[in-house]
C-alpha atoms as a PDB file:
ATOM      1  CA  UNK A   1     100.441 104.340 106.288  1.00  0.00           C
ATOM      2  CA  UNK A   2     102.639 105.428 103.444  1.00  0.00           C
ATOM      3  CA  UNK A   3     105.671 106.821 105.245  1.00  0.00           C
ATOM      4  CA  UNK A   4     105.814 103.975 107.755  1.00  0.00           C
ATOM      5  CA  UNK A   5     105.375 101.427 104.980  1.00  0.00           C
ATOM      6  CA  UNK A   6     108.228 102.981 103.021  1.00  0.00           C
ATOM      7  CA  UNK A   7     110.492 102.958 106.064  1.00  0.00           C
ATOM      8  CA  UNK A   8     109.622  99.385 107.006  1.00  0.00           C
ATOM      9  CA  UNK A   9     110.505  98.114 103.547  1.00  0.00           C
ATOM     10  CA  UNK A  10     114.079  99.391 103.639  1.00  0.00           C
ATOM     11  CA  UNK A  11     117.046  97.319 104.652  1.00  0.00           C
ATOM     12  CA  UNK A  12     119.197  99.720 106.640  1.00  0.00           C
ATOM     13  CA  UNK A  13     118.794 102.487 109.197  1.00  0.00           C
ATOM     14  CA  UNK A  14     120.636 104.993 107.033  1.00  0.00           C
ATOM     15  CA  UNK A  15     118.328 104.170 104.120  1.00  0.00           C
ATOM     16  CA  UNK A  16     115.314 104.754 106.360  1.00  0.00           C
ATOM     17  CA  UNK A  17     116.526 108.198 107.368  1.00  0.00           C
ATOM     18  CA  UNK A  18     117.351 109.111 103.774  1.00  0.00           C
ATOM     19  CA  UNK A  19     113.918 107.963 102.580  1.00  0.00           C
ATOM     20  CA  UNK A  20     112.066 109.909 105.247  1.00  0.00           C
ATOM     21  CA  UNK A  21     114.050 113.098 104.730  1.00  0.00           C
ATOM     22  CA  UNK A  22     113.027 112.935 101.069  1.00  0.00           C
ATOM     23  CA  UNK A  23     109.467 111.760 101.682  1.00  0.00           C
ATOM     24  CA  UNK A  24     107.919 115.084 100.676  1.00  0.00           C
ATOM     25  CA  UNK A  25     109.449 114.634  97.218  1.00  0.00           C
ATOM     26  CA  UNK A  26     108.041 111.110  97.044  1.00  0.00           C
ATOM     27  CA  UNK A  27     104.606 112.342  98.099  1.00  0.00           C
ATOM     28  CA  UNK A  28     104.664 115.039  95.418  1.00  0.00           C
ATOM     29  CA  UNK A  29     105.547 112.383  92.863  1.00  0.00           C
ATOM     30  CA  UNK A  30     102.659 110.208  94.030  1.00  0.00           C
ATOM     31  CA  UNK A  31     100.253 113.132  93.906  1.00  0.00           C
ATOM     32  CA  UNK A  32     101.339 114.030  90.377  1.00  0.00           C
ATOM     33  CA  UNK A  33     100.895 110.427  89.260  1.00  0.00           C
ATOM     34  CA  UNK A  34      97.231 110.540  90.292  1.00  0.00           C
ATOM     35  CA  UNK A  35      96.282 114.186  89.835  1.00  0.00           C
ATOM     36  CA  UNK A  36      96.722 116.263  86.693  1.00  0.00           C
ATOM     37  CA  UNK A  37      97.154 119.606  88.431  1.00  0.00           C
ATOM     38  CA  UNK A  38      97.749 122.960  86.797  1.00  0.00           C
ATOM     39  CA  UNK A  39     100.668 125.175  87.811  1.00  0.00           C
ATOM     40  CA  UNK A  40      98.802 126.994  90.597  1.00  0.00           C
ATOM     41  CA  UNK A  41      97.394 123.789  92.045  1.00  0.00           C
ATOM     42  CA  UNK A  42     100.800 122.105  91.856  1.00  0.00           C
ATOM     43  CA  UNK A  43     102.497 124.862  93.835  1.00  0.00           C
ATOM     44  CA  UNK A  44      99.702 124.902  96.410  1.00  0.00           C
ATOM     45  CA  UNK A  45      99.943 121.138  96.796  1.00  0.00           C
ATOM     46  CA  UNK A  46     103.741 121.328  97.122  1.00  0.00           C
ATOM     47  CA  UNK A  47     103.508 123.754 100.025  1.00  0.00           C
ATOM     48  CA  UNK A  48     100.841 121.672 101.714  1.00  0.00           C
ATOM     49  CA  UNK A  49     102.923 118.500 101.407  1.00  0.00           C
ATOM     50  CA  UNK A  50     105.928 120.268 102.952  1.00  0.00           C
ATOM     51  CA  UNK A  51     103.751 121.420 105.865  1.00  0.00           C
ATOM     52  CA  UNK A  52     102.259 117.947 106.226  1.00  0.00           C
ATOM     53  CA  UNK A  53     105.741 116.416 106.326  1.00  0.00           C
ATOM     54  CA  UNK A  54     106.697 118.819 109.116  1.00  0.00           C
ATOM     55  CA  UNK A  55     103.537 117.936 111.046  1.00  0.00           C
ATOM     56  CA  UNK A  56     104.235 114.258 110.594  1.00  0.00           C
ATOM     57  CA  UNK A  57     107.804 114.580 111.850  1.00  0.00           C
ATOM     58  CA  UNK A  58     106.710 116.454 114.970  1.00  0.00           C
ATOM     59  CA  UNK A  59     103.545 114.514 115.817  1.00  0.00           C
ATOM     60  CA  UNK A  60     103.611 111.035 114.302  1.00  0.00           C
ATOM     61  CA  UNK A  61     107.255 109.969 114.434  1.00  0.00           C
ATOM     62  CA  UNK A  62     107.427 110.093 118.247  1.00  0.00           C
ATOM     63  CA  UNK A  63     104.391 107.795 118.326  1.00  0.00           C
ATOM     64  CA  UNK A  64     106.031 105.452 115.800  1.00  0.00           C
ATOM     65  CA  UNK A  65     109.198 105.366 117.904  1.00  0.00           C
ATOM     66  CA  UNK A  66     107.257 104.471 121.042  1.00  0.00           C
ATOM     67  CA  UNK A  67     105.272 101.850 119.147  1.00  0.00           C
ATOM     68  CA  UNK A  68     108.386 100.179 117.741  1.00  0.00           C
ATOM     69  CA  UNK A  69     110.185 100.304 121.090  1.00  0.00           C
ATOM     70  CA  UNK A  70     107.293  98.585 122.840  1.00  0.00           C
ATOM     71  CA  UNK A  71     106.998  96.071 119.987  1.00  0.00           C
ATOM     72  CA  UNK A  72     110.689  95.163 120.318  1.00  0.00           C
ATOM     73  CA  UNK A  73     110.279  94.535 124.059  1.00  0.00           C
ATOM     74  CA  UNK A  74     107.232  92.341 123.442  1.00  0.00           C
ATOM     75  CA  UNK A  75     109.034  90.415 120.697  1.00  0.00           C
ATOM     76  CA  UNK A  76     111.991  89.804 122.999  1.00  0.00           C
ATOM     77  CA  UNK A  77     109.856  88.048 125.606  1.00  0.00           C
ATOM     78  CA  UNK A  78     107.555  86.293 123.116  1.00  0.00           C
ATOM     79  CA  UNK A  79     104.450  87.475 121.282  1.00  0.00           C
ATOM     80  CA  UNK A  80     101.020  86.776 122.787  1.00  0.00           C
ATOM     81  CA  UNK A  81      97.535  87.205 121.330  1.00  0.00           C
ATOM     82  CA  UNK A  82      97.168  90.310 123.497  1.00  0.00           C
ATOM     83  CA  UNK A  83     100.345  91.741 121.965  1.00  0.00           C
ATOM     84  CA  UNK A  84      98.999  91.175 118.473  1.00  0.00           C
ATOM     85  CA  UNK A  85      95.679  92.837 119.326  1.00  0.00           C
ATOM     86  CA  UNK A  86      97.614  95.777 120.796  1.00  0.00           C
ATOM     87  CA  UNK A  87      99.707  96.067 117.633  1.00  0.00           C
ATOM     88  CA  UNK A  88      96.742  95.911 115.272  1.00  0.00           C
ATOM     89  CA  UNK A  89      94.833  98.540 117.262  1.00  0.00           C
ATOM     90  CA  UNK A  90      97.787 100.918 117.370  1.00  0.00           C
ATOM     91  CA  UNK A  91      98.620 100.556 113.675  1.00  0.00           C
ATOM     92  CA  UNK A  92      94.984 101.095 112.730  1.00  0.00           C
ATOM     93  CA  UNK A  93      94.756 104.176 114.926  1.00  0.00           C
ATOM     94  CA  UNK A  94      97.976 105.676 113.578  1.00  0.00           C
ATOM     95  CA  UNK A  95      96.940 105.015 109.983  1.00  0.00           C
ATOM     96  CA  UNK A  96      93.561 106.654 110.416  1.00  0.00           C
ATOM     97  CA  UNK A  97      95.124 109.708 112.077  1.00  0.00           C
ATOM     98  CA  UNK A  98      97.710 110.001 109.301  1.00  0.00           C
ATOM     99  CA  UNK A  99      95.214 109.565 106.453  1.00  0.00           C
ATOM    100  CA  UNK A 100      92.541 111.859 107.891  1.00  0.00           C
ATOM    101  CA  UNK A 101      95.093 114.646 108.418  1.00  0.00           C
ATOM    102  CA  UNK A 102      96.421 114.205 104.874  1.00  0.00           C
ATOM    103  CA  UNK A 103      92.891 114.385 103.444  1.00  0.00           C
ATOM    104  CA  UNK A 104      92.053 117.541 105.365  1.00  0.00           C
ATOM    105  CA  UNK A 105      95.321 119.220 104.352  1.00  0.00           C
ATOM    106  CA  UNK A 106      94.848 118.351 100.662  1.00  0.00           C
ATOM    107  CA  UNK A 107      91.167 119.329 100.555  1.00  0.00           C
ATOM    108  CA  UNK A 108      91.725 123.009  99.593  1.00  0.00           C
ATOM    109  CA  UNK A 109      93.482 121.824  96.423  1.00  0.00           C
ATOM    110  CA  UNK A 110      91.107 118.939  95.764  1.00  0.00           C
ATOM    111  CA  UNK A 111      88.137 121.291  96.051  1.00  0.00           C
ATOM    112  CA  UNK A 112      89.446 123.205  93.018  1.00  0.00           C
ATOM    113  CA  UNK A 113      89.599 120.173  90.703  1.00  0.00           C
ATOM    114  CA  UNK A 114      87.793 120.664  87.405  1.00  0.00           C
ATOM    115  CA  UNK A 115      85.526 117.933  85.953  1.00  0.00           C
ATOM    116  CA  UNK A 116      88.222 116.780  83.524  1.00  0.00           C
ATOM    117  CA  UNK A 117      90.743 116.497  86.374  1.00  0.00           C
ATOM    118  CA  UNK A 118      88.308 114.402  88.409  1.00  0.00           C
ATOM    119  CA  UNK A 119      87.725 112.224  85.348  1.00  0.00           C
ATOM    120  CA  UNK A 120      91.495 111.758  84.997  1.00  0.00           C
ATOM    121  CA  UNK A 121      91.715 110.668  88.636  1.00  0.00           C
ATOM    122  CA  UNK A 122      88.865 108.215  88.115  1.00  0.00           C
ATOM    123  CA  UNK A 123      90.679 106.825  85.075  1.00  0.00           C
ATOM    124  CA  UNK A 124      93.890 106.395  87.078  1.00  0.00           C
ATOM    125  CA  UNK A 125      91.990 104.494  89.757  1.00  0.00           C
ATOM    126  CA  UNK A 126      90.614 102.191  87.059  1.00  0.00           C
ATOM    127  CA  UNK A 127      94.086 101.578  85.626  1.00  0.00           C
ATOM    128  CA  UNK A 128      95.523 100.641  89.004  1.00  0.00           C
ATOM    129  CA  UNK A 129      92.555  98.407  89.750  1.00  0.00           C
ATOM    130  CA  UNK A 130      93.047  96.607  86.483  1.00  0.00           C
ATOM    131  CA  UNK A 131      96.706  96.044  87.292  1.00  0.00           C
ATOM    132  CA  UNK A 132      95.857  94.705  90.746  1.00  0.00           C
ATOM    133  CA  UNK A 133      93.201  92.396  89.312  1.00  0.00           C
ATOM    134  CA  UNK A 134      95.640  90.971  86.794  1.00  0.00           C
ATOM    135  CA  UNK A 135      98.288  90.307  89.442  1.00  0.00           C
ATOM    136  CA  UNK A 136      96.181  89.020  92.327  1.00  0.00           C
ATOM    137  CA  UNK A 137      92.615  88.255  91.273  1.00  0.00           C
ATOM    138  CA  UNK A 138      92.457  87.083  87.653  1.00  0.00           C
ATOM    139  CA  UNK A 139      92.260  83.339  86.976  1.00  0.00           C
ATOM    140  CA  UNK A 140      95.704  82.477  85.624  1.00  0.00           C
ATOM    141  CA  UNK A 141      96.379  78.804  86.130  1.00  0.00           C
ATOM    142  CA  UNK A 142      97.425  78.990  89.757  1.00  0.00           C
ATOM    143  CA  UNK A 143      99.722  82.033  89.655  1.00  0.00           C
ATOM    144  CA  UNK A 144      97.262  84.207  91.548  1.00  0.00           C
ATOM    145  CA  UNK A 145      97.504  82.446  94.936  1.00  0.00           C
ATOM    146  CA  UNK A 146     101.264  82.111  94.502  1.00  0.00           C
ATOM    147  CA  UNK A 147     101.507  85.888  94.176  1.00  0.00           C
ATOM    148  CA  UNK A 148      99.656  86.322  97.463  1.00  0.00           C
ATOM    149  CA  UNK A 149     101.839  83.733  99.180  1.00  0.00           C
ATOM    150  CA  UNK A 150     105.003  85.376  97.860  1.00  0.00           C
ATOM    151  CA  UNK A 151     103.960  88.760  99.194  1.00  0.00           C
ATOM    152  CA  UNK A 152     103.278  87.371 102.667  1.00  0.00           C
ATOM    153  CA  UNK A 153     106.543  85.423 102.727  1.00  0.00           C
ATOM    154  CA  UNK A 154     108.454  88.582 101.816  1.00  0.00           C
ATOM    155  CA  UNK A 155     106.815  90.535 104.639  1.00  0.00           C
ATOM    156  CA  UNK A 156     107.623  87.943 107.283  1.00  0.00           C
ATOM    157  CA  UNK A 157     111.171  87.268 106.074  1.00  0.00           C
ATOM    158  CA  UNK A 158     111.889  91.006 106.013  1.00  0.00           C
ATOM    159  CA  UNK A 159     111.797  90.938 109.810  1.00  0.00           C
ATOM    160  CA  UNK A 160     112.732  87.376 110.738  1.00  0.00           C
ATOM    161  CA  UNK A 161     115.297  86.615 108.044  1.00  0.00           C
ATOM    162  CA  UNK A 162     115.440  83.244 106.322  1.00  0.00           C
ATOM    163  CA  UNK A 163     112.342  81.188 107.105  1.00  0.00           C
ATOM    164  CA  UNK A 164     112.297  77.450 107.703  1.00  0.00           C
ATOM    165  CA  UNK A 165     110.262  75.184 105.399  1.00  0.00           C
ATOM    166  CA  UNK A 166     107.731  74.690 108.207  1.00  0.00           C
ATOM    167  CA  UNK A 167     107.345  78.436 108.721  1.00  0.00           C
ATOM    168  CA  UNK A 168     106.876  78.997 105.004  1.00  0.00           C
ATOM    169  CA  UNK A 169     104.292  76.214 104.885  1.00  0.00           C
ATOM    170  CA  UNK A 170     102.307  77.795 107.737  1.00  0.00           C
ATOM    171  CA  UNK A 171     102.256  81.141 105.950  1.00  0.00           C
ATOM    172  CA  UNK A 172     101.261  79.533 102.674  1.00  0.00           C
ATOM    173  CA  UNK A 173      98.373  77.648 104.297  1.00  0.00           C
ATOM    174  CA  UNK A 174      97.098  80.875 105.831  1.00  0.00           C
ATOM    175  CA  UNK A 175      97.312  82.807 102.561  1.00  0.00           C
ATOM    176  CA  UNK A 176      95.496  80.121 100.597  1.00  0.00           C
ATOM    177  CA  UNK A 177      92.829  79.666 103.273  1.00  0.00           C
ATOM    178  CA  UNK A 178      92.071  83.396 103.157  1.00  0.00           C
ATOM    179  CA  UNK A 179      92.333  83.867  99.429  1.00  0.00           C
ATOM    180  CA  UNK A 180      88.816  85.321  99.247  1.00  0.00           C
ATOM    181  CA  UNK A 181      89.828  88.070 101.677  1.00  0.00           C
ATOM    182  CA  UNK A 182      91.989  89.680  98.997  1.00  0.00           C
ATOM    183  CA  UNK A 183      88.952  90.112  96.761  1.00  0.00           C
ATOM    184  CA  UNK A 184      86.936  91.398  99.714  1.00  0.00           C
ATOM    185  CA  UNK A 185      89.486  94.076 100.539  1.00  0.00           C
ATOM    186  CA  UNK A 186      89.839  94.970  96.886  1.00  0.00           C
ATOM    187  CA  UNK A 187      86.119  95.616  96.564  1.00  0.00           C
ATOM    188  CA  UNK A 188      86.286  97.771  99.695  1.00  0.00           C
ATOM    189  CA  UNK A 189      89.059  99.801  98.084  1.00  0.00           C
ATOM    190  CA  UNK A 190      86.979 100.231  94.944  1.00  0.00           C
ATOM    191  CA  UNK A 191      84.025 101.413  97.041  1.00  0.00           C
ATOM    192  CA  UNK A 192      86.299 103.914  98.791  1.00  0.00           C
ATOM    193  CA  UNK A 193      87.423 105.188  95.391  1.00  0.00           C
ATOM    194  CA  UNK A 194      83.816 105.590  94.253  1.00  0.00           C
ATOM    195  CA  UNK A 195      83.032 107.516  97.439  1.00  0.00           C
ATOM    196  CA  UNK A 196      86.031 109.801  96.889  1.00  0.00           C
ATOM    197  CA  UNK A 197      85.018 110.577  93.306  1.00  0.00           C
ATOM    198  CA  UNK A 198      81.434 111.246  94.400  1.00  0.00           C
ATOM    199  CA  UNK A 199      82.672 113.607  97.129  1.00  0.00           C
ATOM    200  CA  UNK A 200      84.883 115.509  94.672  1.00  0.00           C
ATOM    201  CA  UNK A 201      81.992 115.952  92.240  1.00  0.00           C
ATOM    202  CA  UNK A 202      79.729 117.538  94.851  1.00  0.00           C
ATOM    203  CA  UNK A 203      79.934 121.338  95.134  1.00  0.00           C
ATOM    204  CA  UNK A 204      81.174 122.052  98.650  1.00  0.00           C
ATOM    205  CA  UNK A 205      83.699 124.131 100.535  1.00  0.00           C
ATOM    206  CA  UNK A 206      87.231 122.918 101.144  1.00  0.00           C
ATOM    207  CA  UNK A 207      86.422 122.502 104.837  1.00  0.00           C
ATOM    208  CA  UNK A 208      83.345 120.391 104.090  1.00  0.00           C
ATOM    209  CA  UNK A 209      85.273 118.282 101.580  1.00  0.00           C
ATOM    210  CA  UNK A 210      88.125 117.756 104.033  1.00  0.00           C
ATOM    211  CA  UNK A 211      85.725 116.644 106.767  1.00  0.00           C
ATOM    212  CA  UNK A 212      83.991 114.243 104.379  1.00  0.00           C
ATOM    213  CA  UNK A 213      87.248 112.675 103.192  1.00  0.00           C
ATOM    214  CA  UNK A 214      88.622 112.437 106.733  1.00  0.00           C
ATOM    215  CA  UNK A 215      85.495 110.613 107.867  1.00  0.00           C
ATOM    216  CA  UNK A 216      86.044 107.993 105.164  1.00  0.00           C
ATOM    217  CA  UNK A 217      89.292 107.098 106.917  1.00  0.00           C
ATOM    218  CA  UNK A 218      88.152 107.583 110.503  1.00  0.00           C
ATOM    219  CA  UNK A 219      84.905 105.645 110.104  1.00  0.00           C
ATOM    220  CA  UNK A 220      85.382 103.132 107.262  1.00  0.00           C
ATOM    221  CA  UNK A 221      82.734 100.866 108.777  1.00  0.00           C
ATOM    222  CA  UNK A 222      80.075 103.260 107.488  1.00  0.00           C
ATOM    223  CA  UNK A 223      80.625 102.017 103.940  1.00  0.00           C
ATOM    224  CA  UNK A 224      81.126  98.382 104.910  1.00  0.00           C
ATOM    225  CA  UNK A 225      78.534  95.644 105.128  1.00  0.00           C
ATOM    226  CA  UNK A 226      78.052  93.417 108.156  1.00  0.00           C
ATOM    227  CA  UNK A 227      79.409  90.540 106.059  1.00  0.00           C
ATOM    228  CA  UNK A 228      82.593  92.478 105.341  1.00  0.00           C
ATOM    229  CA  UNK A 229      83.086  93.444 108.981  1.00  0.00           C
ATOM    230  CA  UNK A 230      82.561  89.842 110.056  1.00  0.00           C
ATOM    231  CA  UNK A 231      84.994  88.440 107.463  1.00  0.00           C
ATOM    232  CA  UNK A 232      87.582  91.121 108.188  1.00  0.00           C
ATOM    233  CA  UNK A 233      87.432  90.342 111.901  1.00  0.00           C
ATOM    234  CA  UNK A 234      88.018  86.659 111.134  1.00  0.00           C
ATOM    235  CA  UNK A 235      91.053  87.648 109.038  1.00  0.00           C
ATOM    236  CA  UNK A 236      92.486  89.701 111.904  1.00  0.00           C
ATOM    237  CA  UNK A 237      91.968  86.895 114.396  1.00  0.00           C
ATOM    238  CA  UNK A 238      93.512  84.230 112.161  1.00  0.00           C
ATOM    239  CA  UNK A 239      96.429  86.459 111.206  1.00  0.00           C
ATOM    240  CA  UNK A 240      97.029  87.182 114.866  1.00  0.00           C
ATOM    241  CA  UNK A 241      97.079  83.469 115.627  1.00  0.00           C
ATOM    242  CA  UNK A 242      99.490  82.888 112.747  1.00  0.00           C
ATOM    243  CA  UNK A 243     101.861  85.499 114.169  1.00  0.00           C
ATOM    244  CA  UNK A 244     101.700  83.913 117.626  1.00  0.00           C
ATOM    245  CA  UNK A 245     102.257  80.435 116.182  1.00  0.00           C
ATOM    246  CA  UNK A 246     105.212  81.598 114.104  1.00  0.00           C
ATOM    247  CA  UNK A 247     106.697  83.404 117.097  1.00  0.00           C
ATOM    248  CA  UNK A 248     106.805  80.093 118.953  1.00  0.00           C
ATOM    249  CA  UNK A 249     108.876  78.566 116.153  1.00  0.00           C
ATOM    250  CA  UNK A 250     111.475  81.350 115.950  1.00  0.00           C
ATOM    251  CA  UNK A 251     115.064  80.328 116.445  1.00  0.00           C
ATOM    252  CA  UNK A 252     117.227  82.429 118.748  1.00  0.00           C
ATOM    253  CA  UNK A 253     118.824  83.955 115.662  1.00  0.00           C
ATOM    254  CA  UNK A 254     115.453  84.835 114.121  1.00  0.00           C
ATOM    255  CA  UNK A 255     114.139  86.342 117.345  1.00  0.00           C
ATOM    256  CA  UNK A 256     117.290  88.415 117.745  1.00  0.00           C
ATOM    257  CA  UNK A 257     116.830  89.738 114.225  1.00  0.00           C
ATOM    258  CA  UNK A 258     113.180  90.639 114.837  1.00  0.00           C
ATOM    259  CA  UNK A 259     114.061  92.454 118.064  1.00  0.00           C
ATOM    260  CA  UNK A 260     117.009  94.222 116.443  1.00  0.00           C
ATOM    261  CA  UNK A 261     114.938  95.317 113.438  1.00  0.00           C
ATOM    262  CA  UNK A 262     112.181  96.767 115.620  1.00  0.00           C
ATOM    263  CA  UNK A 263     114.716  98.468 117.891  1.00  0.00           C
ATOM    264  CA  UNK A 264     116.521  99.977 114.906  1.00  0.00           C
ATOM    265  CA  UNK A 265     113.277 101.449 113.604  1.00  0.00           C
ATOM    266  CA  UNK A 266     112.437 102.833 117.039  1.00  0.00           C
ATOM    267  CA  UNK A 267     115.835 104.533 117.143  1.00  0.00           C
ATOM    268  CA  UNK A 268     115.470 105.846 113.592  1.00  0.00           C
ATOM    269  CA  UNK A 269     112.026 107.307 114.212  1.00  0.00           C
ATOM    270  CA  UNK A 270     113.151 108.925 117.469  1.00  0.00           C
ATOM    271  CA  UNK A 271     116.168 110.516 115.775  1.00  0.00           C
ATOM    272  CA  UNK A 272     114.101 111.698 112.818  1.00  0.00           C
ATOM    273  CA  UNK A 273     111.541 113.245 115.156  1.00  0.00           C
ATOM    274  CA  UNK A 274     114.308 115.248 116.795  1.00  0.00           C
ATOM    275  CA  UNK A 275     115.705 116.631 113.559  1.00  0.00           C
ATOM    276  CA  UNK A 276     114.638 119.983 112.189  1.00  0.00           C
ATOM    277  CA  UNK A 277     112.662 119.907 108.959  1.00  0.00           C
ATOM    278  CA  UNK A 278     114.652 121.205 105.992  1.00  0.00           C
END
C-alpha cells in the first residue's frame, strides 16, 4: 500500500499531510522510473494518476482513519491475537482494493505499450530484483540476516520508540528463524512480475487487461503453491504472536507512544479525507 506506507514512515503529522498532498507527483515519478512512456502516454498517465489520487482521498482515507482509530484503542488496552488477525485482514483487504483500482485505472495506458517499452519494464524489474538479491539474499558473510533484522527493528521502533535489549533480541530471533520467508516472498514477487509481463504482451482490450491485472492483486493465491500458502500462513501466525509478546513487554512510555502515533495517523487521514483535492 504505497501511500499508507509513505505516510507511516514519516515522523510528524505535518510531514504526513505534505507527503500525501504531493503523492500524485511521487506516483508520476515512480511510474516514469519503471515505464518509458512517450509524450501522449505520459500525459494520459498524469491525468489518470490525478484522478486516482482524488478517488483515494475520497474512498480510502476514511477507511484508513477508521482503521488507525480502532488500532489505537486496541493498543491502549493491550494487543491480543484477535486484534492482530483483525489488523492483518484489514490491511490485506485495503491493499488489494488499492492495488486493483490502480491497475484498472492504469490499464488504458498500459495497453498501448509497444514491445520495446515492455522490454524496458522487464529490464527494470530485473535490475530491482538484482539489487534486492544483493541486499537481502546473496551470501555475504552474515550481512544478509543482519539486513533483515535491521529492517524489522526499524519498523518496530518507529512506533514504540527506543527498544529494550530483550525486545530487540525477540525481534532478531524471529527474523533469523524466518529467514527463508524472505526468499519465498521474493520468488512470489518475481512470479507476479512474470505474470504482468505476460499479460502486457497479450493482445487485449484495456478493459480486459485491467481485469486481468486487478485479479492478480485480488486473488494472489491463484499463482501460489500450497507450500507457499502454508509457509506464509505460518509467518503470519508467528509474526502475530511476536507482536502480542512484544506488546506485553511495553513500558508505559512505549505504549503511550504507540497509541499516540496511531491516533495521530487517524487524525491525519481524517483531515486529509476532508480536504478538497487540488
